[in-house]
Amino acid sequence: MVYLNFDLGFLPPPYERFIVRGAQAGFALIFLIITIVSLIPGGTMDALNSWEVNDKLGHFVAYGTLALCGMFAVSTRRVRLAVCGAIALYGGFLEVMQSYVGWDRQGSWGDIVADLAGVLFGGLLALVVVHVLRPLPDHLSGEGH
């Protein structure tokens, strides 16, 4: 098994590894759910949407959660940015694919905007969590004097 250096900086290594593995599993699961829900027949979606949940809010939450998991699932800042970019592109790809699969589905610019907003929010939330929870270096915190 390959262990990457995940330095979130705010937990001891065994706990960080637990967070990272959970984020990786969550990323895979949410990715699969988004893909299936995006490409199933339209009639099935009508049955799933019976709770009167706003479609755009659903896109925002799904892609925001995927980006949040993606940010904690990889090890470097550059890869984290690439993951968020790939998620945004994938959301656009799925919207285009909805127009081609038939089944009473069609893509929407509004859904793409909601996807992008969710990715941006999830990515920024992950950055805020890491920076708020990461302790200040000793020379900045005033400790040790």
C-alpha atoms as a PDB file:
ATOM      1  CA  MET A   1       0.000   0.000   0.000  1.00  0.00           C
ATOM      2  CA  VAL A   2       1.303   3.445  -0.898  1.00  0.00           C
ATOM      3  CA  TYR A   3       1.174   6.137   1.770  1.00  0.00           C
ATOM      4  CA  LEU A   4       1.441   9.669   0.517  1.00  0.00           C
ATOM      5  CA  ASN A   5       2.569  12.498   2.745  1.00  0.00           C
ATOM      6  CA  PHE A   6      -0.688  14.187   3.709  1.00  0.00           C
ATOM      7  CA  ASP A   7       0.365  17.087   5.867  1.00  0.00           C
ATOM      8  CA  LEU A   8      -2.847  18.784   6.858  1.00  0.00           C
ATOM      9  CA  GLY A   9      -0.917  20.152   9.808  1.00  0.00           C
ATOM     10  CA  PHE A  10      -3.568  20.116  12.490  1.00  0.00           C
ATOM     11  CA  LEU A  11      -3.854  16.478  13.582  1.00  0.00           C
ATOM     12  CA  PRO A  12      -1.378  13.748  14.569  1.00  0.00           C
ATOM     13  CA  PRO A  13      -0.442  11.567  11.535  1.00  0.00           C
ATOM     14  CA  PRO A  14      -2.658   8.549  12.371  1.00  0.00           C
ATOM     15  CA  TYR A  15      -5.710  10.806  12.596  1.00  0.00           C
ATOM     16  CA  GLU A  16      -4.768  12.675   9.437  1.00  0.00           C
ATOM     17  CA  ARG A  17      -4.499   9.359   7.603  1.00  0.00           C
ATOM     18  CA  PHE A  18      -7.999   8.486   8.869  1.00  0.00           C
ATOM     19  CA  ILE A  19      -9.370  11.830   7.598  1.00  0.00           C
ATOM     20  CA  VAL A  20      -7.630  11.387   4.246  1.00  0.00           C
ATOM     21  CA  ARG A  21      -8.861   7.814   3.755  1.00  0.00           C
ATOM     22  CA  GLY A  22     -12.391   8.891   4.675  1.00  0.00           C
ATOM     23  CA  ALA A  23     -12.185  11.774   2.205  1.00  0.00           C
ATOM     24  CA  GLN A  24     -10.957   9.417  -0.518  1.00  0.00           C
ATOM     25  CA  ALA A  25     -13.810   6.981   0.129  1.00  0.00           C
ATOM     26  CA  GLY A  26     -16.326   9.856   0.282  1.00  0.00           C
ATOM     27  CA  PHE A  27     -14.961  11.300  -2.954  1.00  0.00           C
ATOM     28  CA  ALA A  28     -15.336   7.960  -4.774  1.00  0.00           C
ATOM     29  CA  LEU A  29     -18.861   7.404  -3.435  1.00  0.00           C
ATOM     30  CA  ILE A  30     -20.098  10.937  -4.199  1.00  0.00           C
ATOM     31  CA  PHE A  31     -18.485  10.827  -7.652  1.00  0.00           C
ATOM     32  CA  LEU A  32     -20.344   7.578  -8.409  1.00  0.00           C
ATOM     33  CA  ILE A  33     -23.666   8.921  -7.081  1.00  0.00           C
ATOM     34  CA  ILE A  34     -23.371  12.162  -9.093  1.00  0.00           C
ATOM     35  CA  THR A  35     -22.569  10.203 -12.258  1.00  0.00           C
ATOM     36  CA  ILE A  36     -25.501   7.822 -11.847  1.00  0.00           C
ATOM     37  CA  VAL A  37     -28.023  10.501 -10.877  1.00  0.00           C
ATOM     38  CA  SER A  38     -26.876  12.740 -13.751  1.00  0.00           C
ATOM     39  CA  LEU A  39     -27.370  10.067 -16.399  1.00  0.00           C
ATOM     40  CA  ILE A  40     -30.463   8.126 -15.280  1.00  0.00           C
ATOM     41  CA  PRO A  41     -33.716   8.516 -17.251  1.00  0.00           C
ATOM     42  CA  GLY A  42     -35.721  11.707 -16.674  1.00  0.00           C
ATOM     43  CA  GLY A  43     -38.787   9.880 -15.344  1.00  0.00           C
ATOM     44  CA  THR A  44     -36.690   8.360 -12.594  1.00  0.00           C
ATOM     45  CA  MET A  45     -35.424  11.817 -11.677  1.00  0.00           C
ATOM     46  CA  ASP A  46     -38.994  13.072 -11.367  1.00  0.00           C
ATOM     47  CA  ALA A  47     -39.649  10.343  -8.791  1.00  0.00           C
ATOM     48  CA  LEU A  48     -36.436  11.207  -6.913  1.00  0.00           C
ATOM     49  CA  ASN A  49     -37.282  14.917  -6.963  1.00  0.00           C
ATOM     50  CA  SER A  50     -40.661  14.378  -5.335  1.00  0.00           C
ATOM     51  CA  TRP A  51     -39.441  16.006  -2.103  1.00  0.00           C
ATOM     52  CA  GLU A  52     -39.529  19.394  -3.830  1.00  0.00           C
ATOM     53  CA  VAL A  53     -35.802  19.936  -3.386  1.00  0.00           C
ATOM     54  CA  ASN A  54     -34.463  22.786  -5.456  1.00  0.00           C
ATOM     55  CA  ASP A  55     -32.464  21.330  -8.356  1.00  0.00           C
ATOM     56  CA  LYS A  56     -29.790  24.039  -8.252  1.00  0.00           C
ATOM     57  CA  LEU A  57     -29.310  23.604  -4.503  1.00  0.00           C
ATOM     58  CA  GLY A  58     -28.828  19.877  -5.117  1.00  0.00           C
ATOM     59  CA  HIS A  59     -26.135  20.593  -7.706  1.00  0.00           C
ATOM     60  CA  PHE A  60     -24.434  23.087  -5.390  1.00  0.00           C
ATOM     61  CA  VAL A  61     -24.377  20.695  -2.421  1.00  0.00           C
ATOM     62  CA  ALA A  62     -23.311  17.657  -4.461  1.00  0.00           C
ATOM     63  CA  TYR A  63     -20.403  19.372  -6.189  1.00  0.00           C
ATOM     64  CA  GLY A  64     -19.427  21.305  -3.067  1.00  0.00           C
ATOM     65  CA  THR A  65     -19.231  18.088  -1.080  1.00  0.00           C
ATOM     66  CA  LEU A  66     -17.277  16.404  -3.870  1.00  0.00           C
ATOM     67  CA  ALA A  67     -14.772  19.291  -3.940  1.00  0.00           C
ATOM     68  CA  LEU A  68     -14.465  19.290  -0.140  1.00  0.00           C
ATOM     69  CA  CYS A  69     -13.680  15.559  -0.138  1.00  0.00           C
ATOM     70  CA  GLY A  70     -11.348  16.003  -3.101  1.00  0.00           C
ATOM     71  CA  MET A  71      -9.377  18.709  -1.326  1.00  0.00           C
ATOM     72  CA  PHE A  72      -8.745  16.422   1.669  1.00  0.00           C
ATOM     73  CA  ALA A  73      -8.169  13.322  -0.483  1.00  0.00           C
ATOM     74  CA  VAL A  74      -4.965  14.473  -2.203  1.00  0.00           C
ATOM     75  CA  SER A  75      -1.590  15.521  -0.872  1.00  0.00           C
ATOM     76  CA  THR A  76      -0.349  18.706  -2.527  1.00  0.00           C
ATOM     77  CA  ARG A  77      -1.763  22.159  -3.208  1.00  0.00           C
ATOM     78  CA  ARG A  78      -1.180  21.840  -6.956  1.00  0.00           C
ATOM     79  CA  VAL A  79      -3.014  18.512  -7.088  1.00  0.00           C
ATOM     80  CA  ARG A  80      -5.860  19.965  -4.997  1.00  0.00           C
ATOM     81  CA  LEU A  81      -6.327  22.766  -7.516  1.00  0.00           C
ATOM     82  CA  ALA A  82      -6.224  20.244 -10.361  1.00  0.00           C
ATOM     83  CA  VAL A  83      -8.858  18.110  -8.622  1.00  0.00           C
ATOM     84  CA  CYS A  84     -11.195  21.100  -8.264  1.00  0.00           C
ATOM     85  CA  GLY A  85     -10.649  22.003 -11.913  1.00  0.00           C
ATOM     86  CA  ALA A  86     -11.318  18.424 -12.988  1.00  0.00           C
ATOM     87  CA  ILE A  87     -14.515  18.307 -10.911  1.00  0.00           C
ATOM     88  CA  ALA A  88     -15.731  21.524 -12.554  1.00  0.00           C
ATOM     89  CA  LEU A  89     -14.974  20.138 -16.023  1.00  0.00           C
ATOM     90  CA  TYR A  90     -16.679  16.861 -15.158  1.00  0.00           C
ATOM     91  CA  GLY A  91     -19.822  18.712 -14.083  1.00  0.00           C
ATOM     92  CA  GLY A  92     -19.903  20.484 -17.455  1.00  0.00           C
ATOM     93  CA  PHE A  93     -19.237  17.188 -19.244  1.00  0.00           C
ATOM     94  CA  LEU A  94     -22.174  15.510 -17.495  1.00  0.00           C
ATOM     95  CA  GLU A  95     -24.491  18.383 -18.420  1.00  0.00           C
ATOM     96  CA  VAL A  96     -23.499  18.016 -22.078  1.00  0.00           C
ATOM     97  CA  MET A  97     -23.906  14.235 -21.894  1.00  0.00           C
ATOM     98  CA  GLN A  98     -27.464  14.624 -20.575  1.00  0.00           C
ATOM     99  CA  SER A  99     -28.398  16.122 -23.926  1.00  0.00           C
ATOM    100  CA  TYR A 100     -27.045  13.080 -25.771  1.00  0.00           C
ATOM    101  CA  VAL A 101     -28.293  10.175 -23.668  1.00  0.00           C
ATOM    102  CA  GLY A 102     -31.913  10.970 -24.459  1.00  0.00           C
ATOM    103  CA  TRP A 103     -34.174   9.572 -21.764  1.00  0.00           C
ATOM    104  CA  ASP A 104     -35.976  12.869 -21.347  1.00  0.00           C
ATOM    105  CA  ARG A 105     -32.884  14.659 -20.007  1.00  0.00           C
ATOM    106  CA  GLN A 106     -31.196  17.860 -21.102  1.00  0.00           C
ATOM    107  CA  GLY A 107     -28.249  19.897 -19.896  1.00  0.00           C
ATOM    108  CA  SER A 108     -28.659  23.307 -18.344  1.00  0.00           C
ATOM    109  CA  TRP A 109     -26.412  26.358 -18.049  1.00  0.00           C
ATOM    110  CA  GLY A 110     -27.970  27.006 -14.656  1.00  0.00           C
ATOM    111  CA  ASP A 111     -26.885  23.559 -13.486  1.00  0.00           C
ATOM    112  CA  ILE A 112     -23.334  24.230 -14.693  1.00  0.00           C
ATOM    113  CA  VAL A 113     -23.257  27.513 -12.760  1.00  0.00           C
ATOM    114  CA  ALA A 114     -24.547  25.725  -9.643  1.00  0.00           C
ATOM    115  CA  ASP A 115     -21.902  23.006 -10.103  1.00  0.00           C
ATOM    116  CA  LEU A 116     -19.129  25.599 -10.423  1.00  0.00           C
ATOM    117  CA  ALA A 117     -20.388  27.549  -7.404  1.00  0.00           C
ATOM    118  CA  GLY A 118     -20.446  24.333  -5.373  1.00  0.00           C
ATOM    119  CA  VAL A 119     -16.892  23.421  -6.408  1.00  0.00           C
ATOM    120  CA  LEU A 120     -15.675  26.898  -5.520  1.00  0.00           C
ATOM    121  CA  PHE A 121     -17.443  26.855  -2.143  1.00  0.00           C
ATOM    122  CA  GLY A 122     -16.252  23.332  -1.252  1.00  0.00           C
ATOM    123  CA  GLY A 123     -12.676  24.105  -2.257  1.00  0.00           C
ATOM    124  CA  LEU A 124     -12.601  27.364  -0.317  1.00  0.00           C
ATOM    125  CA  LEU A 125     -14.230  25.746   2.711  1.00  0.00           C
ATOM    126  CA  ALA A 126     -11.495  23.089   2.748  1.00  0.00           C
ATOM    127  CA  LEU A 127      -8.807  25.791   2.597  1.00  0.00           C
ATOM    128  CA  VAL A 128     -10.437  27.708   5.439  1.00  0.00           C
ATOM    129  CA  VAL A 129     -10.727  24.578   7.597  1.00  0.00           C
ATOM    130  CA  VAL A 130      -7.066  23.700   7.077  1.00  0.00           C
ATOM    131  CA  HIS A 131      -5.816  27.228   7.759  1.00  0.00           C
ATOM    132  CA  VAL A 132      -8.052  27.861  10.777  1.00  0.00           C
ATOM    133  CA  LEU A 133      -7.170  24.557  12.431  1.00  0.00           C
ATOM    134  CA  ARG A 134      -3.455  24.616  11.576  1.00  0.00           C
ATOM    135  CA  PRO A 135      -1.477  25.965  14.532  1.00  0.00           C
ATOM    136  CA  LEU A 136       0.684  29.033  14.043  1.00  0.00           C
ATOM    137  CA  PRO A 137       4.447  28.453  13.873  1.00  0.00           C
ATOM    138  CA  ASP A 138       6.157  29.126  17.208  1.00  0.00           C
ATOM    139  CA  HIS A 139       7.793  32.318  15.999  1.00  0.00           C
ATOM    140  CA  LEU A 140       4.379  33.795  15.065  1.00  0.00           C
ATOM    141  CA  SER A 141       2.338  32.558  18.002  1.00  0.00           C
ATOM    142  CA  GLY A 142       4.411  34.313  20.640  1.00  0.00           C
ATOM    143  CA  GLU A 143       5.071  31.040  22.469  1.00  0.00           C
ATOM    144  CA  GLY A 144       8.568  30.198  23.609  1.00  0.00           C
ATOM    145  CA  HIS A 145       9.465  33.721  24.809  1.00  0.00           C
END
